[in-house]
Amino acid sequence: MPLHVRTIALSAAVLCFFGVSLIGWLSGLSPSTCCHRAVIGSVVGYVAGALAVRAINAILISAMAGKQVKQQRQEHNGSNS
């Protein structure tokens, strides 16, 4: 079952936003600088999360398809014997 790309990527973006803003705040940066960096960080987090989930989905679907093919081959070879 494939994972939902949008929800996981959005969660990654929110975590990146608050993480980067917290780091900026603790570093003593101005609120404007923290905001700009947090928005850029959240965009990067969203794209990275979406790409990672799509890669995981591709791996999962490939494994599931391979398992089905192997099972069908075993059933086909078992019925011919």
C-alpha atoms as a PDB file:
ATOM      1  CA  MET A   1       0.000   0.000   0.000  1.00  0.00           C
ATOM      2  CA  PRO A   2       1.623   3.259  -1.120  1.00  0.00           C
ATOM      3  CA  LEU A   3       2.234   6.031   1.380  1.00  0.00           C
ATOM      4  CA  HIS A   4       0.486   9.391   1.037  1.00  0.00           C
ATOM      5  CA  VAL A   5       3.037  11.827  -0.382  1.00  0.00           C
ATOM      6  CA  ARG A   6       1.318  15.118   0.413  1.00  0.00           C
ATOM      7  CA  THR A   7       0.568  14.497   4.086  1.00  0.00           C
ATOM      8  CA  ILE A   8       4.033  13.193   4.915  1.00  0.00           C
ATOM      9  CA  ALA A   9       5.767  15.965   2.945  1.00  0.00           C
ATOM     10  CA  LEU A  10       3.586  18.579   4.635  1.00  0.00           C
ATOM     11  CA  SER A  11       4.492  17.192   8.053  1.00  0.00           C
ATOM     12  CA  ALA A  12       8.179  17.360   7.130  1.00  0.00           C
ATOM     13  CA  ALA A  13       7.733  20.967   5.981  1.00  0.00           C
ATOM     14  CA  VAL A  14       6.048  21.988   9.245  1.00  0.00           C
ATOM     15  CA  LEU A  15       8.785  20.345  11.296  1.00  0.00           C
ATOM     16  CA  CYS A  16      11.460  22.077   9.215  1.00  0.00           C
ATOM     17  CA  PHE A  17       9.700  25.441   9.561  1.00  0.00           C
ATOM     18  CA  PHE A  18       9.553  25.324  13.338  1.00  0.00           C
ATOM     19  CA  GLY A  19      12.986  23.736  13.656  1.00  0.00           C
ATOM     20  CA  VAL A  20      14.696  26.386  11.542  1.00  0.00           C
ATOM     21  CA  SER A  21      12.784  29.217  13.208  1.00  0.00           C
ATOM     22  CA  LEU A  22      13.715  27.913  16.662  1.00  0.00           C
ATOM     23  CA  ILE A  23      17.379  27.665  15.689  1.00  0.00           C
ATOM     24  CA  GLY A  24      17.287  31.212  14.303  1.00  0.00           C
ATOM     25  CA  TRP A  25      15.570  32.527  17.415  1.00  0.00           C
ATOM     26  CA  LEU A  26      18.097  30.844  19.710  1.00  0.00           C
ATOM     27  CA  SER A  27      20.914  32.303  17.603  1.00  0.00           C
ATOM     28  CA  GLY A  28      19.589  35.809  18.205  1.00  0.00           C
ATOM     29  CA  LEU A  29      18.552  36.605  14.635  1.00  0.00           C
ATOM     30  CA  SER A  30      15.878  39.171  13.848  1.00  0.00           C
ATOM     31  CA  PRO A  31      12.306  37.903  13.418  1.00  0.00           C
ATOM     32  CA  SER A  32      12.349  38.805   9.719  1.00  0.00           C
ATOM     33  CA  THR A  33      15.496  36.772   9.110  1.00  0.00           C
ATOM     34  CA  CYS A  34      14.090  33.843  11.096  1.00  0.00           C
ATOM     35  CA  CYS A  35      10.890  33.966   9.045  1.00  0.00           C
ATOM     36  CA  HIS A  36      12.658  34.050   5.692  1.00  0.00           C
ATOM     37  CA  ARG A  37      14.970  31.204   6.615  1.00  0.00           C
ATOM     38  CA  ALA A  38      12.132  29.155   8.068  1.00  0.00           C
ATOM     39  CA  VAL A  39      10.035  29.537   4.906  1.00  0.00           C
ATOM     40  CA  ILE A  40      12.967  28.511   2.714  1.00  0.00           C
ATOM     41  CA  GLY A  41      13.694  25.594   5.050  1.00  0.00           C
ATOM     42  CA  SER A  42      10.092  24.444   4.936  1.00  0.00           C
ATOM     43  CA  VAL A  43      10.057  24.514   1.119  1.00  0.00           C
ATOM     44  CA  VAL A  44      13.245  22.458   1.045  1.00  0.00           C
ATOM     45  CA  GLY A  45      11.776  20.090   3.650  1.00  0.00           C
ATOM     46  CA  TYR A  46       8.595  19.670   1.612  1.00  0.00           C
ATOM     47  CA  VAL A  47      10.478  18.870  -1.594  1.00  0.00           C
ATOM     48  CA  ALA A  48      12.888  16.508   0.178  1.00  0.00           C
ATOM     49  CA  GLY A  49      10.028  14.769   1.990  1.00  0.00           C
ATOM     50  CA  ALA A  50       8.018  14.364  -1.207  1.00  0.00           C
ATOM     51  CA  LEU A  51      10.999  12.925  -3.081  1.00  0.00           C
ATOM     52  CA  ALA A  52      11.807  10.538  -0.239  1.00  0.00           C
ATOM     53  CA  VAL A  53       8.227   9.267   0.004  1.00  0.00           C
ATOM     54  CA  ARG A  54       8.037   8.789  -3.766  1.00  0.00           C
ATOM     55  CA  ALA A  55      11.273   6.791  -3.679  1.00  0.00           C
ATOM     56  CA  ILE A  56       9.944   4.652  -0.826  1.00  0.00           C
ATOM     57  CA  ASN A  57       6.687   4.103  -2.723  1.00  0.00           C
ATOM     58  CA  ALA A  58       8.615   3.006  -5.821  1.00  0.00           C
ATOM     59  CA  ILE A  59      10.621   0.519  -3.758  1.00  0.00           C
ATOM     60  CA  LEU A  60       7.511  -0.846  -2.029  1.00  0.00           C
ATOM     61  CA  ILE A  61       5.555  -1.235  -5.266  1.00  0.00           C
ATOM     62  CA  SER A  62       8.514  -2.917  -6.950  1.00  0.00           C
ATOM     63  CA  ALA A  63       8.836  -5.374  -4.058  1.00  0.00           C
ATOM     64  CA  MET A  64       5.109  -6.106  -4.079  1.00  0.00           C
ATOM     65  CA  ALA A  65       5.094  -6.671  -7.842  1.00  0.00           C
ATOM     66  CA  GLY A  66       8.139  -8.933  -7.585  1.00  0.00           C
ATOM     67  CA  LYS A  67       6.457 -10.969  -4.874  1.00  0.00           C
ATOM     68  CA  GLN A  68       3.319 -11.380  -6.999  1.00  0.00           C
ATOM     69  CA  VAL A  69       5.341 -12.467 -10.043  1.00  0.00           C
ATOM     70  CA  LYS A  70       7.300 -14.975  -7.962  1.00  0.00           C
ATOM     71  CA  GLN A  71       4.078 -16.359  -6.463  1.00  0.00           C
ATOM     72  CA  GLN A  72       2.455 -16.704  -9.890  1.00  0.00           C
ATOM     73  CA  ARG A  73       5.535 -18.471 -11.269  1.00  0.00           C
ATOM     74  CA  GLN A  74       5.517 -20.928  -8.371  1.00  0.00           C
ATOM     75  CA  GLU A  75       1.781 -21.619  -8.872  1.00  0.00           C
ATOM     76  CA  HIS A  76       2.299 -22.064 -12.611  1.00  0.00           C
ATOM     77  CA  ASN A  77       5.293 -24.387 -12.183  1.00  0.00           C
ATOM     78  CA  GLY A  78       3.501 -26.368  -9.456  1.00  0.00           C
ATOM     79  CA  SER A  79       0.455 -27.018 -11.626  1.00  0.00           C
ATOM     80  CA  ASN A  80       2.547 -28.236 -14.585  1.00  0.00           C
ATOM     81  CA  SER A  81       4.543 -30.765 -12.560  1.00  0.00           C
END
